[in-house]
Amino acid sequence: MKTGILAIALLVGGSVYGQVGQDLKNAGKDTKDAAATGAKKTAKGTKKAAKATGHGVKKGTHKVADKVADKTDTAK
């Protein structure tokens, strides 16, 4: 009886150990995929922000230049 219980316990324990190993492997792959996705989205967001910032700076510079030109007009 004891050997039967021990055999069942070893069988169940072995299958649980295999499942835990597979779960850890899957978690590692999921983490790697999430890191790669995060890096790609960060790069895309940074590029978009840089473009918008550049556009805003250009627009602001033109606006300031127009105001300065109005005040320094020597034709009047």
N, C-alpha and C. Protein backbone atom coordinates (compact mmCIF):
# COMPACT_ATOMS: atom_id res chain seq x y z
N MET A 1 0.82 -1.20 0.00
CA MET A 1 0.00 0.00 0.00
C MET A 1 0.86 1.26 0.00
N LYS A 2 1.91 1.25 0.85
CA LYS A 2 2.78 2.42 0.93
C LYS A 2 3.52 2.65 -0.38
N THR A 3 3.94 1.59 -1.03
CA THR A 3 4.66 1.74 -2.29
C THR A 3 3.73 2.26 -3.38
N GLY A 4 2.47 1.86 -3.34
CA GLY A 4 1.48 2.35 -4.31
C GLY A 4 1.25 3.85 -4.15
N ILE A 5 1.12 4.28 -2.90
CA ILE A 5 0.92 5.71 -2.61
C ILE A 5 2.16 6.50 -3.02
N LEU A 6 3.33 5.94 -2.73
CA LEU A 6 4.59 6.60 -3.09
C LEU A 6 4.72 6.71 -4.61
N ALA A 7 4.35 5.68 -5.32
CA ALA A 7 4.43 5.70 -6.78
C ALA A 7 3.49 6.75 -7.35
N ILE A 8 2.28 6.82 -6.81
CA ILE A 8 1.31 7.83 -7.28
C ILE A 8 1.83 9.24 -6.97
N ALA A 9 2.39 9.42 -5.78
CA ALA A 9 2.90 10.73 -5.39
C ALA A 9 4.05 11.15 -6.30
N LEU A 10 4.91 10.23 -6.64
CA LEU A 10 6.02 10.53 -7.54
C LEU A 10 5.53 10.86 -8.94
N LEU A 11 4.53 10.14 -9.40
CA LEU A 11 3.97 10.40 -10.71
C LEU A 11 3.33 11.78 -10.78
N VAL A 12 2.53 12.10 -9.78
CA VAL A 12 1.86 13.40 -9.74
C VAL A 12 2.90 14.51 -9.57
N GLY A 13 3.85 14.29 -8.68
CA GLY A 13 4.90 15.29 -8.45
C GLY A 13 5.71 15.55 -9.71
N GLY A 14 6.02 14.51 -10.45
CA GLY A 14 6.78 14.67 -11.68
C GLY A 14 6.02 15.46 -12.73
N SER A 15 4.73 15.21 -12.85
CA SER A 15 3.95 15.93 -13.85
C SER A 15 3.76 17.40 -13.45
N VAL A 16 3.62 17.65 -12.16
CA VAL A 16 3.50 19.03 -11.67
C VAL A 16 4.81 19.77 -11.92
N TYR A 17 5.93 19.10 -11.66
CA TYR A 17 7.25 19.72 -11.88
C TYR A 17 7.43 20.08 -13.36
N GLY A 18 7.00 19.19 -14.25
CA GLY A 18 7.10 19.46 -15.69
C GLY A 18 6.23 20.65 -16.10
N GLN A 19 5.05 20.73 -15.52
CA GLN A 19 4.14 21.83 -15.84
C GLN A 19 4.69 23.16 -15.33
N VAL A 20 5.28 23.16 -14.15
CA VAL A 20 5.88 24.38 -13.60
C VAL A 20 7.02 24.84 -14.49
N GLY A 21 7.83 23.91 -14.94
CA GLY A 21 8.93 24.26 -15.83
C GLY A 21 8.43 24.88 -17.12
N GLN A 22 7.38 24.31 -17.68
CA GLN A 22 6.81 24.85 -18.92
C GLN A 22 6.20 26.23 -18.67
N ASP A 23 5.53 26.40 -17.53
CA ASP A 23 4.94 27.70 -17.20
C ASP A 23 6.03 28.77 -17.07
N LEU A 24 7.14 28.42 -16.45
CA LEU A 24 8.25 29.36 -16.31
C LEU A 24 8.84 29.72 -17.68
N LYS A 25 8.94 28.71 -18.53
CA LYS A 25 9.46 28.96 -19.88
C LYS A 25 8.53 29.90 -20.64
N ASN A 26 7.23 29.65 -20.54
CA ASN A 26 6.24 30.51 -21.21
C ASN A 26 6.27 31.93 -20.65
N ALA A 27 6.43 32.04 -19.33
CA ALA A 27 6.49 33.37 -18.71
C ALA A 27 7.71 34.13 -19.20
N GLY A 28 8.81 33.45 -19.35
CA GLY A 28 10.02 34.10 -19.87
C GLY A 28 9.81 34.60 -21.29
N LYS A 29 9.16 33.79 -22.11
CA LYS A 29 8.89 34.20 -23.50
C LYS A 29 7.92 35.38 -23.53
N ASP A 30 6.90 35.33 -22.68
CA ASP A 30 5.93 36.43 -22.62
C ASP A 30 6.62 37.73 -22.19
N THR A 31 7.52 37.62 -21.23
CA THR A 31 8.25 38.80 -20.75
C THR A 31 9.12 39.37 -21.86
N LYS A 32 9.78 38.49 -22.60
CA LYS A 32 10.63 38.93 -23.71
C LYS A 32 9.79 39.63 -24.78
N ASP A 33 8.64 39.04 -25.11
CA ASP A 33 7.75 39.64 -26.11
C ASP A 33 7.23 41.00 -25.65
N ALA A 34 6.87 41.09 -24.37
CA ALA A 34 6.36 42.35 -23.83
C ALA A 34 7.44 43.43 -23.86
N ALA A 35 8.67 43.06 -23.55
CA ALA A 35 9.77 44.02 -23.57
C ALA A 35 10.02 44.52 -24.99
N ALA A 36 9.97 43.61 -25.95
CA ALA A 36 10.18 44.01 -27.35
C ALA A 36 9.05 44.92 -27.83
N THR A 37 7.83 44.58 -27.50
CA THR A 37 6.68 45.40 -27.88
C THR A 37 6.77 46.78 -27.24
N GLY A 38 7.13 46.81 -25.96
CA GLY A 38 7.28 48.08 -25.25
C GLY A 38 8.36 48.95 -25.88
N ALA A 39 9.46 48.34 -26.25
CA ALA A 39 10.55 49.10 -26.88
C ALA A 39 10.12 49.68 -28.21
N LYS A 40 9.39 48.90 -29.00
CA LYS A 40 8.92 49.38 -30.31
C LYS A 40 7.93 50.54 -30.13
N LYS A 41 7.02 50.40 -29.18
CA LYS A 41 6.03 51.46 -28.97
C LYS A 41 6.69 52.72 -28.41
N THR A 42 7.70 52.54 -27.56
CA THR A 42 8.42 53.70 -27.02
C THR A 42 9.15 54.43 -28.14
N ALA A 43 9.79 53.68 -29.02
CA ALA A 43 10.51 54.30 -30.14
C ALA A 43 9.54 55.05 -31.05
N LYS A 44 8.40 54.46 -31.31
CA LYS A 44 7.40 55.10 -32.17
C LYS A 44 6.87 56.37 -31.52
N GLY A 45 6.58 56.30 -30.22
CA GLY A 45 6.08 57.46 -29.49
C GLY A 45 7.11 58.58 -29.42
N THR A 46 8.36 58.20 -29.21
CA THR A 46 9.43 59.19 -29.14
C THR A 46 9.59 59.89 -30.49
N LYS A 47 9.54 59.13 -31.56
CA LYS A 47 9.66 59.70 -32.90
C LYS A 47 8.51 60.67 -33.18
N LYS A 48 7.32 60.26 -32.80
CA LYS A 48 6.13 61.10 -33.01
C LYS A 48 6.24 62.39 -32.19
N ALA A 49 6.69 62.27 -30.94
CA ALA A 49 6.83 63.45 -30.08
C ALA A 49 7.90 64.39 -30.62
N ALA A 50 9.00 63.85 -31.10
CA ALA A 50 10.07 64.68 -31.65
C ALA A 50 9.59 65.44 -32.88
N LYS A 51 8.81 64.77 -33.71
CA LYS A 51 8.28 65.42 -34.91
C LYS A 51 7.31 66.54 -34.53
N ALA A 52 6.45 66.27 -33.57
CA ALA A 52 5.48 67.28 -33.12
C ALA A 52 6.20 68.46 -32.47
N THR A 53 7.23 68.18 -31.70
CA THR A 53 8.00 69.24 -31.06
C THR A 53 8.69 70.10 -32.11
N GLY A 54 9.29 69.47 -33.09
CA GLY A 54 9.95 70.20 -34.16
C GLY A 54 8.97 71.09 -34.91
N HIS A 55 7.79 70.56 -35.16
CA HIS A 55 6.76 71.34 -35.85
C HIS A 55 6.33 72.54 -35.00
N GLY A 56 6.15 72.30 -33.70
CA GLY A 56 5.75 73.37 -32.80
C GLY A 56 6.81 74.47 -32.70
N VAL A 57 8.07 74.07 -32.63
CA VAL A 57 9.16 75.04 -32.56
C VAL A 57 9.20 75.87 -33.84
N LYS A 58 9.07 75.21 -34.96
CA LYS A 58 9.10 75.92 -36.24
C LYS A 58 7.96 76.92 -36.33
N LYS A 59 6.77 76.49 -35.93
CA LYS A 59 5.59 77.35 -35.97
C LYS A 59 5.78 78.54 -35.02
N GLY A 60 6.29 78.29 -33.83
CA GLY A 60 6.53 79.35 -32.86
C GLY A 60 7.58 80.33 -33.32
N THR A 61 8.62 79.81 -33.94
CA THR A 61 9.69 80.67 -34.45
C THR A 61 9.15 81.61 -35.53
N HIS A 62 8.34 81.09 -36.41
CA HIS A 62 7.76 81.92 -37.47
C HIS A 62 6.84 82.99 -36.88
N LYS A 63 6.08 82.61 -35.86
CA LYS A 63 5.17 83.54 -35.23
C LYS A 63 5.94 84.70 -34.58
N VAL A 64 7.01 84.37 -33.88
CA VAL A 64 7.84 85.39 -33.23
C VAL A 64 8.51 86.27 -34.28
N ALA A 65 9.00 85.64 -35.33
CA ALA A 65 9.67 86.40 -36.39
C ALA A 65 8.71 87.39 -37.03
N ASP A 66 7.46 86.99 -37.22
CA ASP A 66 6.46 87.90 -37.80
C ASP A 66 6.20 89.08 -36.88
N LYS A 67 6.12 88.82 -35.56
CA LYS A 67 5.88 89.91 -34.61
C LYS A 67 7.05 90.88 -34.57
N VAL A 68 8.25 90.36 -34.60
CA VAL A 68 9.45 91.20 -34.59
C VAL A 68 9.52 92.01 -35.87
N ALA A 69 9.19 91.39 -36.99
CA ALA A 69 9.22 92.09 -38.27
C ALA A 69 8.22 93.24 -38.30
N ASP A 70 7.07 93.03 -37.67
CA ASP A 70 6.07 94.10 -37.61
C ASP A 70 6.59 95.30 -36.83
N LYS A 71 7.33 95.07 -35.77
CA LYS A 71 7.81 96.14 -34.91
C LYS A 71 9.06 96.82 -35.49
N THR A 72 9.77 96.15 -36.35
CA THR A 72 11.00 96.71 -36.90
C THR A 72 10.85 97.14 -38.34
N ASP A 73 9.63 97.27 -38.79
CA ASP A 73 9.38 97.68 -40.18
C ASP A 73 9.85 99.13 -40.37
N THR A 74 10.81 99.32 -41.24
CA THR A 74 11.38 100.65 -41.47
C THR A 74 10.69 101.40 -42.60
N ALA A 75 9.74 100.78 -43.24
CA ALA A 75 9.05 101.41 -44.37
C ALA A 75 8.08 102.48 -43.91
N LYS A 76 7.70 102.46 -42.66
CA LYS A 76 6.67 103.41 -42.17
C LYS A 76 7.20 104.78 -42.01
